[in-house]
Amino acid sequence: MTRRWISTLFLHAAAAALMGCSSAPRIVEGQVQSFSTLAALPTPATYRIERLPSQQTPSFDPIATLADQALARAGLQRDETAPRLLVQIGAHADAVPRHDPFRPYGPYGPYPWGFGGWYGRGWGMQGAWRFSEPTPLHRRAVSIVLRDAATQAVVYETSAVHEDVWVSDPAVYGVLFDAALNGFPKPPGGVRQVRLPLAPPAP
């Protein structure tokens, strides 16, 4: 078998694997924690989102829309004039650097005069350019706080966090809002993992 034939066979196998992966929905795993004082769905089950000053921008509109859709799927209905609940939402994005577990000090040891580690200590090529640094994790997090409109008391608080080497904004926020509202209005206690499919983008 020639080298060219081996290369062609490998490319076909890789393409088939990619096609198989693309046909399966991507799963988003969120770490969720919820707190509730609600015994049942409020009556009427209406709400109004109250944006914080930092959220009064057009760039936050897609996030608010995704939160609205998740709240509707949880059984709530938006009412701007006479809501039973007031809702505050949050969304956060950052990157989490990772260490190589097999080389915690980089290839040259823990010495400050070495040729670089994961964070660029020293003057070596690996330290300066970090060619061997693991891909950072993309962290996306959402939070939802529900307050009784009459008493201002917090009746529901929930959050969801997702970390992975890939990211799909803003769609992943919609999945995380759904995960955060999983079990509403009487969610399980403690930290739990909620796995939901990432919906494909609209055509």
N, C-alpha and C. Protein backbone atom coordinates (compact mmCIF):
# COMPACT_ATOMS: atom_id res chain seq x y z
N MET A 1 0.86 -1.19 0.00
CA MET A 1 0.00 0.00 0.00
C MET A 1 0.89 1.24 0.00
N THR A 2 0.72 2.10 -0.97
CA THR A 2 1.59 3.26 -1.09
C THR A 2 1.23 4.30 -0.04
N ARG A 3 2.19 5.22 0.15
CA ARG A 3 1.96 6.30 1.11
C ARG A 3 0.80 7.18 0.68
N ARG A 4 0.70 7.42 -0.63
CA ARG A 4 -0.41 8.25 -1.13
C ARG A 4 -1.75 7.59 -0.85
N TRP A 5 -1.82 6.26 -1.05
CA TRP A 5 -3.07 5.54 -0.78
C TRP A 5 -3.42 5.61 0.70
N ILE A 6 -2.43 5.50 1.57
CA ILE A 6 -2.68 5.60 3.01
C ILE A 6 -3.21 6.97 3.36
N SER A 7 -2.61 8.02 2.78
CA SER A 7 -3.07 9.39 3.06
C SER A 7 -4.50 9.59 2.61
N THR A 8 -4.83 9.07 1.40
CA THR A 8 -6.20 9.21 0.89
C THR A 8 -7.20 8.48 1.78
N LEU A 9 -6.84 7.28 2.21
CA LEU A 9 -7.72 6.50 3.08
C LEU A 9 -7.95 7.22 4.40
N PHE A 10 -6.89 7.83 4.94
CA PHE A 10 -7.01 8.56 6.20
C PHE A 10 -7.92 9.76 6.05
N LEU A 11 -7.81 10.47 4.93
CA LEU A 11 -8.65 11.64 4.71
C LEU A 11 -10.11 11.25 4.58
N HIS A 12 -10.40 10.15 3.89
CA HIS A 12 -11.79 9.69 3.77
C HIS A 12 -12.35 9.29 5.13
N ALA A 13 -11.54 8.62 5.93
CA ALA A 13 -12.00 8.22 7.26
C ALA A 13 -12.27 9.42 8.13
N ALA A 14 -11.39 10.43 8.05
CA ALA A 14 -11.58 11.64 8.84
C ALA A 14 -12.84 12.38 8.41
N ALA A 15 -13.09 12.45 7.09
CA ALA A 15 -14.29 13.12 6.60
C ALA A 15 -15.54 12.41 7.06
N ALA A 16 -15.52 11.07 7.03
CA ALA A 16 -16.69 10.30 7.49
C ALA A 16 -16.94 10.53 8.97
N ALA A 17 -15.86 10.61 9.75
CA ALA A 17 -16.03 10.85 11.19
C ALA A 17 -16.62 12.22 11.45
N LEU A 18 -16.16 13.22 10.67
CA LEU A 18 -16.69 14.57 10.85
C LEU A 18 -18.15 14.64 10.45
N MET A 19 -18.53 13.94 9.39
CA MET A 19 -19.94 13.94 8.98
C MET A 19 -20.81 13.29 10.05
N GLY A 20 -20.30 12.23 10.66
CA GLY A 20 -21.06 11.57 11.72
C GLY A 20 -21.23 12.47 12.92
N CYS A 21 -20.16 13.21 13.26
CA CYS A 21 -20.23 14.11 14.40
C CYS A 21 -21.17 15.28 14.12
N SER A 22 -21.16 15.79 12.86
CA SER A 22 -22.00 16.95 12.55
C SER A 22 -23.47 16.61 12.58
N SER A 23 -23.83 15.33 12.34
CA SER A 23 -25.24 14.95 12.33
C SER A 23 -25.80 14.80 13.73
N ALA A 24 -24.94 14.59 14.71
CA ALA A 24 -25.40 14.44 16.09
C ALA A 24 -25.47 15.80 16.76
N PRO A 25 -26.52 16.05 17.54
CA PRO A 25 -26.62 17.35 18.22
C PRO A 25 -25.53 17.50 19.27
N ARG A 26 -24.98 18.68 19.35
CA ARG A 26 -23.97 18.94 20.36
C ARG A 26 -24.64 19.09 21.72
N ILE A 27 -24.08 18.47 22.73
CA ILE A 27 -24.66 18.49 24.07
C ILE A 27 -23.93 19.51 24.93
N VAL A 28 -24.70 20.34 25.60
CA VAL A 28 -24.16 21.33 26.53
C VAL A 28 -24.42 20.83 27.94
N GLU A 29 -23.37 20.67 28.70
CA GLU A 29 -23.50 20.22 30.09
C GLU A 29 -23.30 21.41 31.01
N GLY A 30 -24.33 21.72 31.78
CA GLY A 30 -24.26 22.86 32.69
C GLY A 30 -24.28 22.41 34.15
N GLN A 31 -23.45 23.05 34.94
CA GLN A 31 -23.48 22.82 36.38
C GLN A 31 -24.47 23.80 36.98
N VAL A 32 -25.55 23.27 37.54
CA VAL A 32 -26.69 24.08 37.96
C VAL A 32 -26.87 24.00 39.47
N GLN A 33 -27.22 25.13 40.05
CA GLN A 33 -27.60 25.17 41.45
C GLN A 33 -28.76 26.14 41.61
N SER A 34 -29.82 25.69 42.27
CA SER A 34 -31.05 26.48 42.38
C SER A 34 -31.54 26.51 43.82
N PHE A 35 -32.20 27.62 44.16
CA PHE A 35 -32.80 27.79 45.48
C PHE A 35 -34.21 28.36 45.29
N SER A 36 -35.19 27.77 45.97
CA SER A 36 -36.57 28.18 45.75
C SER A 36 -37.35 28.20 47.06
N THR A 37 -38.23 29.19 47.19
CA THR A 37 -39.20 29.22 48.28
C THR A 37 -40.61 29.01 47.75
N LEU A 38 -40.72 28.71 46.46
CA LEU A 38 -42.02 28.53 45.83
C LEU A 38 -42.52 27.10 46.04
N ALA A 39 -43.77 26.99 46.43
CA ALA A 39 -44.38 25.67 46.57
C ALA A 39 -45.02 25.21 45.27
N ALA A 40 -45.35 26.17 44.39
CA ALA A 40 -45.98 25.86 43.12
C ALA A 40 -45.78 27.04 42.19
N LEU A 41 -46.18 26.88 40.95
CA LEU A 41 -46.09 27.96 39.98
C LEU A 41 -47.01 29.10 40.44
N PRO A 42 -46.50 30.33 40.49
CA PRO A 42 -47.34 31.45 40.96
C PRO A 42 -48.56 31.65 40.07
N THR A 43 -49.59 32.23 40.66
CA THR A 43 -50.81 32.55 39.93
C THR A 43 -51.13 34.03 40.11
N PRO A 44 -51.16 34.81 39.04
CA PRO A 44 -50.81 34.44 37.67
C PRO A 44 -49.30 34.28 37.51
N ALA A 45 -48.89 33.47 36.57
CA ALA A 45 -47.47 33.19 36.36
C ALA A 45 -46.89 34.20 35.38
N THR A 46 -46.88 35.45 35.80
CA THR A 46 -46.43 36.53 34.93
C THR A 46 -45.15 37.16 35.48
N TYR A 47 -44.38 37.78 34.60
CA TYR A 47 -43.11 38.36 35.02
C TYR A 47 -42.76 39.56 34.14
N ARG A 48 -41.81 40.33 34.63
CA ARG A 48 -41.19 41.41 33.86
C ARG A 48 -39.70 41.38 34.13
N ILE A 49 -38.90 41.43 33.07
CA ILE A 49 -37.45 41.47 33.23
C ILE A 49 -37.02 42.90 33.56
N GLU A 50 -36.25 43.03 34.60
CA GLU A 50 -35.68 44.33 34.99
C GLU A 50 -34.19 44.33 34.65
N ARG A 51 -33.82 45.08 33.66
CA ARG A 51 -32.42 45.14 33.26
C ARG A 51 -31.62 46.05 34.19
N LEU A 52 -30.41 45.60 34.49
CA LEU A 52 -29.50 46.42 35.25
C LEU A 52 -28.95 47.53 34.36
N PRO A 53 -28.39 48.59 34.96
CA PRO A 53 -27.84 49.68 34.13
C PRO A 53 -26.83 49.19 33.09
N SER A 54 -26.02 48.20 33.44
CA SER A 54 -25.02 47.69 32.50
C SER A 54 -25.64 46.90 31.36
N GLN A 55 -26.92 46.56 31.49
CA GLN A 55 -27.60 45.76 30.47
C GLN A 55 -28.47 46.60 29.55
N GLN A 56 -28.41 47.92 29.70
CA GLN A 56 -29.24 48.81 28.89
C GLN A 56 -28.55 49.14 27.57
N THR A 57 -28.16 48.11 26.85
CA THR A 57 -27.49 48.28 25.56
C THR A 57 -28.08 47.31 24.55
N PRO A 58 -28.06 47.69 23.26
CA PRO A 58 -28.58 46.77 22.23
C PRO A 58 -27.85 45.44 22.19
N SER A 59 -26.58 45.42 22.59
CA SER A 59 -25.82 44.17 22.53
C SER A 59 -26.36 43.12 23.51
N PHE A 60 -27.12 43.58 24.53
CA PHE A 60 -27.69 42.64 25.50
C PHE A 60 -29.05 42.12 25.06
N ASP A 61 -29.61 42.68 24.00
CA ASP A 61 -30.95 42.26 23.55
C ASP A 61 -31.03 40.77 23.23
N PRO A 62 -30.04 40.18 22.51
CA PRO A 62 -30.14 38.73 22.24
C PRO A 62 -30.16 37.89 23.51
N ILE A 63 -29.40 38.32 24.54
CA ILE A 63 -29.40 37.57 25.80
C ILE A 63 -30.77 37.64 26.46
N ALA A 64 -31.36 38.84 26.48
CA ALA A 64 -32.68 39.01 27.09
C ALA A 64 -33.73 38.19 26.34
N THR A 65 -33.61 38.13 25.01
CA THR A 65 -34.56 37.34 24.22
C THR A 65 -34.45 35.86 24.56
N LEU A 66 -33.23 35.35 24.69
CA LEU A 66 -33.04 33.95 25.06
C LEU A 66 -33.59 33.66 26.45
N ALA A 67 -33.42 34.60 27.37
CA ALA A 67 -33.98 34.43 28.71
C ALA A 67 -35.51 34.41 28.66
N ASP A 68 -36.10 35.30 27.86
CA ASP A 68 -37.56 35.31 27.69
C ASP A 68 -38.06 33.95 27.19
N GLN A 69 -37.38 33.40 26.20
CA GLN A 69 -37.80 32.12 25.64
C GLN A 69 -37.70 30.99 26.66
N ALA A 70 -36.64 31.02 27.46
CA ALA A 70 -36.48 29.98 28.48
C ALA A 70 -37.53 30.13 29.58
N LEU A 71 -37.84 31.36 29.97
CA LEU A 71 -38.87 31.59 30.98
C LEU A 71 -40.24 31.13 30.48
N ALA A 72 -40.51 31.35 29.18
CA ALA A 72 -41.78 30.90 28.61
C ALA A 72 -41.85 29.37 28.63
N ARG A 73 -40.75 28.71 28.32
CA ARG A 73 -40.75 27.24 28.35
C ARG A 73 -40.92 26.71 29.77
N ALA A 74 -40.55 27.53 30.77
CA ALA A 74 -40.72 27.12 32.17
C ALA A 74 -42.14 27.38 32.68
N GLY A 75 -43.00 27.96 31.83
CA GLY A 75 -44.39 28.16 32.22
C GLY A 75 -44.74 29.58 32.63
N LEU A 76 -43.82 30.52 32.41
CA LEU A 76 -44.08 31.91 32.78
C LEU A 76 -44.46 32.74 31.56
N GLN A 77 -45.20 33.81 31.80
CA GLN A 77 -45.68 34.67 30.72
C GLN A 77 -45.27 36.10 31.00
N ARG A 78 -44.74 36.75 30.00
CA ARG A 78 -44.27 38.13 30.17
C ARG A 78 -45.44 39.10 30.25
N ASP A 79 -45.36 40.00 31.23
CA ASP A 79 -46.40 41.01 31.43
C ASP A 79 -45.70 42.28 31.93
N GLU A 80 -45.63 43.28 31.09
CA GLU A 80 -44.90 44.50 31.43
C GLU A 80 -45.67 45.41 32.38
N THR A 81 -46.99 45.27 32.45
CA THR A 81 -47.80 46.20 33.24
C THR A 81 -48.12 45.71 34.64
N ALA A 82 -48.47 44.45 34.79
CA ALA A 82 -48.86 43.93 36.10
C ALA A 82 -48.23 42.57 36.35
N PRO A 83 -46.91 42.49 36.47
CA PRO A 83 -46.27 41.19 36.65
C PRO A 83 -46.38 40.69 38.09
N ARG A 84 -46.45 39.39 38.24
CA ARG A 84 -46.41 38.79 39.58
C ARG A 84 -44.96 38.67 40.06
N LEU A 85 -44.04 38.49 39.12
CA LEU A 85 -42.63 38.32 39.46
C LEU A 85 -41.78 39.33 38.72
N LEU A 86 -40.72 39.77 39.37
CA LEU A 86 -39.71 40.61 38.75
C LEU A 86 -38.46 39.76 38.55
N VAL A 87 -37.91 39.81 37.35
CA VAL A 87 -36.81 38.92 36.98
C VAL A 87 -35.55 39.74 36.69
N GLN A 88 -34.46 39.32 37.28
CA GLN A 88 -33.14 39.85 36.94
C GLN A 88 -32.31 38.71 36.38
N ILE A 89 -31.66 38.97 35.25
CA ILE A 89 -30.85 37.94 34.60
C ILE A 89 -29.41 38.43 34.51
N GLY A 90 -28.51 37.47 34.38
CA GLY A 90 -27.11 37.79 34.22
C GLY A 90 -26.47 36.81 33.26
N ALA A 91 -25.44 37.26 32.55
CA ALA A 91 -24.68 36.40 31.64
C ALA A 91 -23.22 36.82 31.71
N HIS A 92 -22.35 35.84 31.75
CA HIS A 92 -20.92 36.11 31.92
C HIS A 92 -20.12 35.21 31.01
N ALA A 93 -19.02 35.74 30.48
CA ALA A 93 -18.14 34.97 29.61
C ALA A 93 -16.70 35.26 29.96
N ASP A 94 -15.89 34.20 30.03
CA ASP A 94 -14.46 34.36 30.19
C ASP A 94 -13.76 33.08 29.74
N ALA A 95 -12.45 33.09 29.82
CA ALA A 95 -11.65 31.92 29.45
C ALA A 95 -10.85 31.46 30.65
N VAL A 96 -10.75 30.16 30.82
CA VAL A 96 -10.06 29.57 31.96
C VAL A 96 -8.80 28.87 31.46
N PRO A 97 -7.60 29.35 31.83
CA PRO A 97 -6.38 28.66 31.37
C PRO A 97 -6.26 27.30 32.01
N ARG A 98 -5.63 26.37 31.29
CA ARG A 98 -5.46 25.01 31.79
C ARG A 98 -3.98 24.68 31.90
N HIS A 99 -3.64 23.83 32.89
CA HIS A 99 -2.29 23.32 33.06
C HIS A 99 -2.19 21.92 32.47
N ASP A 100 -1.04 21.60 31.95
CA ASP A 100 -0.78 20.23 31.53
C ASP A 100 -0.54 19.39 32.78
N PRO A 101 -1.40 18.39 33.09
CA PRO A 101 -1.23 17.63 34.33
C PRO A 101 0.05 16.81 34.36
N PHE A 102 0.62 16.54 33.20
CA PHE A 102 1.83 15.73 33.15
C PHE A 102 3.10 16.58 33.19
N ARG A 103 2.94 17.90 32.97
CA ARG A 103 4.08 18.79 33.04
C ARG A 103 3.67 20.05 33.78
N PRO A 104 3.43 19.94 35.09
CA PRO A 104 2.89 21.08 35.83
C PRO A 104 3.81 22.29 35.86
N TYR A 105 5.11 22.08 35.61
CA TYR A 105 6.03 23.20 35.63
C TYR A 105 6.57 23.53 34.24
N GLY A 106 5.94 22.97 33.20
CA GLY A 106 6.50 23.18 31.87
C GLY A 106 7.61 22.17 31.64
N PRO A 107 8.28 22.22 30.48
CA PRO A 107 9.27 21.21 30.14
C PRO A 107 10.61 21.38 30.83
N TYR A 108 10.83 22.52 31.50
CA TYR A 108 12.15 22.80 32.04
C TYR A 108 12.16 22.92 33.55
N GLY A 109 11.11 22.50 34.20
CA GLY A 109 11.12 22.49 35.65
C GLY A 109 10.55 23.76 36.24
N PRO A 110 10.48 23.82 37.59
CA PRO A 110 9.81 24.93 38.27
C PRO A 110 10.71 26.14 38.50
N TYR A 111 11.87 26.20 37.87
CA TYR A 111 12.82 27.25 38.20
C TYR A 111 12.47 28.55 37.50
N PRO A 112 12.53 29.67 38.20
CA PRO A 112 12.15 30.95 37.60
C PRO A 112 13.08 31.39 36.48
N TRP A 113 14.31 30.81 36.41
CA TRP A 113 15.23 31.18 35.34
C TRP A 113 15.20 30.20 34.18
N GLY A 114 14.20 29.35 34.15
CA GLY A 114 14.09 28.35 33.09
C GLY A 114 13.63 28.97 31.79
N PHE A 115 13.25 28.11 30.86
CA PHE A 115 12.91 28.56 29.52
C PHE A 115 11.40 28.64 29.30
N GLY A 116 10.69 28.89 30.33
CA GLY A 116 9.28 29.18 30.14
C GLY A 116 8.36 28.07 30.57
N GLY A 117 7.19 28.45 31.05
CA GLY A 117 6.15 27.51 31.43
C GLY A 117 4.87 27.90 30.73
N TRP A 118 3.75 27.48 31.32
CA TRP A 118 2.46 27.75 30.69
C TRP A 118 2.11 29.23 30.68
N TYR A 119 2.68 30.01 31.57
CA TYR A 119 2.31 31.42 31.67
C TYR A 119 3.41 32.35 31.20
N GLY A 120 4.38 31.82 30.48
CA GLY A 120 5.33 32.69 29.82
C GLY A 120 6.48 33.16 30.68
N ARG A 121 6.83 32.42 31.75
CA ARG A 121 7.99 32.82 32.53
C ARG A 121 9.26 32.57 31.73
N GLY A 122 10.25 33.39 31.91
CA GLY A 122 11.52 33.18 31.24
C GLY A 122 11.51 33.72 29.83
N TRP A 123 12.49 33.28 29.05
CA TRP A 123 12.69 33.88 27.73
C TRP A 123 12.67 32.85 26.61
N GLY A 124 12.38 31.62 26.91
CA GLY A 124 12.40 30.59 25.88
C GLY A 124 11.21 30.70 24.94
N MET A 125 11.26 29.95 23.86
CA MET A 125 10.19 29.99 22.87
C MET A 125 8.86 29.55 23.44
N GLN A 126 8.88 28.50 24.26
CA GLN A 126 7.62 28.03 24.83
C GLN A 126 7.05 29.05 25.78
N GLY A 127 7.90 29.70 26.55
CA GLY A 127 7.41 30.71 27.48
C GLY A 127 6.90 31.93 26.76
N ALA A 128 7.60 32.33 25.68
CA ALA A 128 7.20 33.55 25.00
C ALA A 128 5.96 33.35 24.15
N TRP A 129 5.91 32.20 23.44
CA TRP A 129 4.81 31.99 22.50
C TRP A 129 3.79 30.97 22.99
N ARG A 130 4.15 30.15 23.97
CA ARG A 130 3.24 29.18 24.57
C ARG A 130 2.65 28.24 23.52
N PHE A 131 3.57 27.69 22.64
CA PHE A 131 3.11 26.80 21.61
C PHE A 131 2.46 25.54 22.18
N SER A 132 2.96 25.07 23.33
CA SER A 132 2.49 23.80 23.87
C SER A 132 1.42 23.99 24.94
N GLU A 133 0.95 25.18 25.13
CA GLU A 133 -0.05 25.43 26.17
C GLU A 133 -1.38 24.80 25.77
N PRO A 134 -2.04 24.08 26.68
CA PRO A 134 -3.34 23.49 26.36
C PRO A 134 -4.36 24.55 25.98
N THR A 135 -5.30 24.17 25.15
CA THR A 135 -6.36 25.10 24.75
C THR A 135 -7.15 25.53 25.99
N PRO A 136 -7.36 26.83 26.20
CA PRO A 136 -8.11 27.26 27.39
C PRO A 136 -9.57 26.84 27.30
N LEU A 137 -10.19 26.73 28.44
CA LEU A 137 -11.61 26.43 28.49
C LEU A 137 -12.40 27.73 28.37
N HIS A 138 -13.43 27.71 27.56
CA HIS A 138 -14.35 28.83 27.47
C HIS A 138 -15.44 28.63 28.52
N ARG A 139 -15.61 29.60 29.39
CA ARG A 139 -16.63 29.50 30.44
C ARG A 139 -17.77 30.45 30.12
N ARG A 140 -18.97 29.91 30.16
CA ARG A 140 -20.18 30.71 29.99
C ARG A 140 -21.08 30.45 31.20
N ALA A 141 -21.63 31.50 31.76
CA ALA A 141 -22.45 31.37 32.96
C ALA A 141 -23.66 32.28 32.86
N VAL A 142 -24.78 31.82 33.39
CA VAL A 142 -25.99 32.64 33.46
C VAL A 142 -26.56 32.55 34.87
N SER A 143 -27.35 33.54 35.21
CA SER A 143 -28.04 33.55 36.51
C SER A 143 -29.42 34.17 36.33
N ILE A 144 -30.34 33.72 37.16
CA ILE A 144 -31.71 34.25 37.15
C ILE A 144 -32.16 34.41 38.60
N VAL A 145 -32.69 35.58 38.91
CA VAL A 145 -33.25 35.86 40.24
C VAL A 145 -34.68 36.33 40.05
N LEU A 146 -35.61 35.66 40.73
CA LEU A 146 -37.02 36.03 40.68
C LEU A 146 -37.44 36.60 42.04
N ARG A 147 -38.09 37.77 41.98
CA ARG A 147 -38.58 38.41 43.20
C ARG A 147 -40.10 38.59 43.10
N ASP A 148 -40.74 38.49 44.24
CA ASP A 148 -42.17 38.78 44.32
C ASP A 148 -42.37 40.28 44.09
N ALA A 149 -43.19 40.62 43.11
CA ALA A 149 -43.36 42.03 42.77
C ALA A 149 -44.00 42.84 43.89
N ALA A 150 -44.81 42.19 44.72
CA ALA A 150 -45.50 42.91 45.79
C ALA A 150 -44.61 43.12 47.00
N THR A 151 -43.82 42.11 47.37
CA THR A 151 -43.03 42.18 48.60
C THR A 151 -41.54 42.42 48.35
N GLN A 152 -41.09 42.28 47.09
CA GLN A 152 -39.68 42.38 46.72
C GLN A 152 -38.83 41.24 47.28
N ALA A 153 -39.44 40.24 47.87
CA ALA A 153 -38.70 39.10 48.41
C ALA A 153 -38.22 38.20 47.28
N VAL A 154 -37.00 37.71 47.40
CA VAL A 154 -36.46 36.77 46.42
C VAL A 154 -37.12 35.40 46.64
N VAL A 155 -37.77 34.87 45.60
CA VAL A 155 -38.45 33.59 45.73
C VAL A 155 -37.76 32.48 44.93
N TYR A 156 -36.85 32.88 44.03
CA TYR A 156 -36.15 31.87 43.23
C TYR A 156 -34.81 32.42 42.80
N GLU A 157 -33.78 31.60 42.95
CA GLU A 157 -32.43 31.98 42.54
C GLU A 157 -31.76 30.77 41.91
N THR A 158 -31.19 30.95 40.74
CA THR A 158 -30.59 29.82 40.05
C THR A 158 -29.45 30.29 39.16
N SER A 159 -28.52 29.37 38.88
CA SER A 159 -27.39 29.69 38.02
C SER A 159 -26.96 28.42 37.29
N ALA A 160 -26.31 28.61 36.15
CA ALA A 160 -25.78 27.50 35.36
C ALA A 160 -24.44 27.92 34.77
N VAL A 161 -23.46 27.02 34.82
CA VAL A 161 -22.11 27.29 34.33
C VAL A 161 -21.71 26.17 33.38
N HIS A 162 -21.12 26.55 32.25
CA HIS A 162 -20.64 25.58 31.26
C HIS A 162 -19.21 25.90 30.89
N GLU A 163 -18.35 24.88 30.86
CA GLU A 163 -16.95 25.05 30.45
C GLU A 163 -16.62 24.01 29.39
N ASP A 164 -15.99 24.47 28.31
CA ASP A 164 -15.57 23.54 27.24
C ASP A 164 -14.53 24.24 26.38
N VAL A 165 -13.89 23.48 25.50
CA VAL A 165 -12.87 24.06 24.64
C VAL A 165 -13.49 24.74 23.42
N TRP A 166 -14.79 24.57 23.20
CA TRP A 166 -15.48 25.25 22.12
C TRP A 166 -16.50 26.20 22.71
N VAL A 167 -16.98 27.11 21.90
CA VAL A 167 -17.99 28.06 22.37
C VAL A 167 -18.90 28.41 21.21
N SER A 168 -20.18 28.67 21.50
CA SER A 168 -21.14 29.05 20.48
C SER A 168 -22.06 30.12 21.07
N ASP A 169 -21.65 31.35 20.93
CA ASP A 169 -22.46 32.46 21.43
C ASP A 169 -23.34 33.00 20.31
N PRO A 170 -24.57 33.47 20.62
CA PRO A 170 -25.17 33.45 21.96
C PRO A 170 -26.00 32.20 22.23
N ALA A 171 -26.01 31.24 21.31
CA ALA A 171 -26.91 30.09 21.46
C ALA A 171 -26.69 29.35 22.76
N VAL A 172 -25.44 29.24 23.20
CA VAL A 172 -25.17 28.48 24.43
C VAL A 172 -25.83 29.13 25.63
N TYR A 173 -26.03 30.45 25.59
CA TYR A 173 -26.70 31.11 26.71
C TYR A 173 -28.16 30.65 26.82
N GLY A 174 -28.81 30.43 25.67
CA GLY A 174 -30.18 29.95 25.71
C GLY A 174 -30.28 28.58 26.35
N VAL A 175 -29.34 27.70 26.03
CA VAL A 175 -29.32 26.36 26.63
C VAL A 175 -29.07 26.47 28.13
N LEU A 176 -28.19 27.38 28.53
CA LEU A 176 -27.90 27.53 29.96
C LEU A 176 -29.07 28.11 30.73
N PHE A 177 -29.82 29.02 30.11
CA PHE A 177 -31.04 29.52 30.77
C PHE A 177 -32.04 28.37 30.97
N ASP A 178 -32.18 27.51 29.97
CA ASP A 178 -33.05 26.34 30.13
C ASP A 178 -32.55 25.44 31.24
N ALA A 179 -31.23 25.22 31.28
CA ALA A 179 -30.67 24.37 32.33
C ALA A 179 -30.89 24.98 33.71
N ALA A 180 -30.72 26.30 33.82
CA ALA A 180 -30.89 26.97 35.11
C ALA A 180 -32.33 26.86 35.60
N LEU A 181 -33.29 26.80 34.68
CA LEU A 181 -34.70 26.71 35.06
C LEU A 181 -35.20 25.27 35.10
N ASN A 182 -34.30 24.31 34.95
CA ASN A 182 -34.68 22.91 35.02
C ASN A 182 -35.25 22.60 36.40
N GLY A 183 -36.43 22.04 36.43
CA GLY A 183 -37.08 21.71 37.70
C GLY A 183 -37.91 22.82 38.29
N PHE A 184 -37.97 23.99 37.65
CA PHE A 184 -38.77 25.11 38.17
C PHE A 184 -40.23 24.69 38.30
N PRO A 185 -40.93 25.06 39.39
CA PRO A 185 -40.50 25.94 40.48
C PRO A 185 -39.95 25.21 41.72
N LYS A 186 -39.84 23.87 41.66
CA LYS A 186 -39.34 23.10 42.81
C LYS A 186 -38.16 22.25 42.35
N PRO A 187 -37.00 22.86 42.21
CA PRO A 187 -35.84 22.14 41.68
C PRO A 187 -35.22 21.23 42.73
N PRO A 188 -34.42 20.26 42.30
CA PRO A 188 -33.67 19.46 43.27
C PRO A 188 -32.67 20.33 44.02
N GLY A 189 -32.31 19.92 45.21
CA GLY A 189 -31.33 20.65 45.99
C GLY A 189 -29.92 20.30 45.60
N GLY A 190 -28.98 21.18 45.93
CA GLY A 190 -27.57 20.93 45.69
C GLY A 190 -27.15 21.20 44.25
N VAL A 191 -25.87 21.01 44.02
CA VAL A 191 -25.31 21.21 42.68
C VAL A 191 -25.59 19.97 41.84
N ARG A 192 -26.02 20.17 40.60
CA ARG A 192 -26.34 19.05 39.72
C ARG A 192 -25.89 19.36 38.30
N GLN A 193 -25.74 18.32 37.51
CA GLN A 193 -25.38 18.46 36.11
C GLN A 193 -26.63 18.30 35.25
N VAL A 194 -26.86 19.28 34.38
CA VAL A 194 -28.00 19.23 33.45
C VAL A 194 -27.43 19.23 32.03
N ARG A 195 -27.77 18.22 31.25
CA ARG A 195 -27.27 18.07 29.89
C ARG A 195 -28.42 18.29 28.90
N LEU A 196 -28.23 19.29 28.02
CA LEU A 196 -29.26 19.64 27.05
C LEU A 196 -28.61 19.83 25.67
N PRO A 197 -29.33 19.52 24.59
CA PRO A 197 -28.75 19.70 23.26
C PRO A 197 -28.71 21.17 22.87
N LEU A 198 -27.66 21.52 22.13
CA LEU A 198 -27.54 22.86 21.57
C LEU A 198 -28.34 22.92 20.27
N ALA A 199 -29.33 23.78 20.22
CA ALA A 199 -30.17 23.88 19.02
C ALA A 199 -29.34 24.42 17.87
N PRO A 200 -29.50 23.88 16.67
CA PRO A 200 -28.77 24.41 15.50
C PRO A 200 -29.24 25.81 15.18
N PRO A 201 -28.39 26.64 14.57
CA PRO A 201 -28.81 28.01 14.23
C PRO A 201 -29.93 28.01 13.22
N ALA A 202 -30.78 29.02 13.32
CA ALA A 202 -31.90 29.13 12.40
C ALA A 202 -31.39 29.41 10.99
N PRO A 203 -32.02 28.82 9.94
CA PRO A 203 -31.56 29.05 8.56
C PRO A 203 -31.82 30.46 8.11
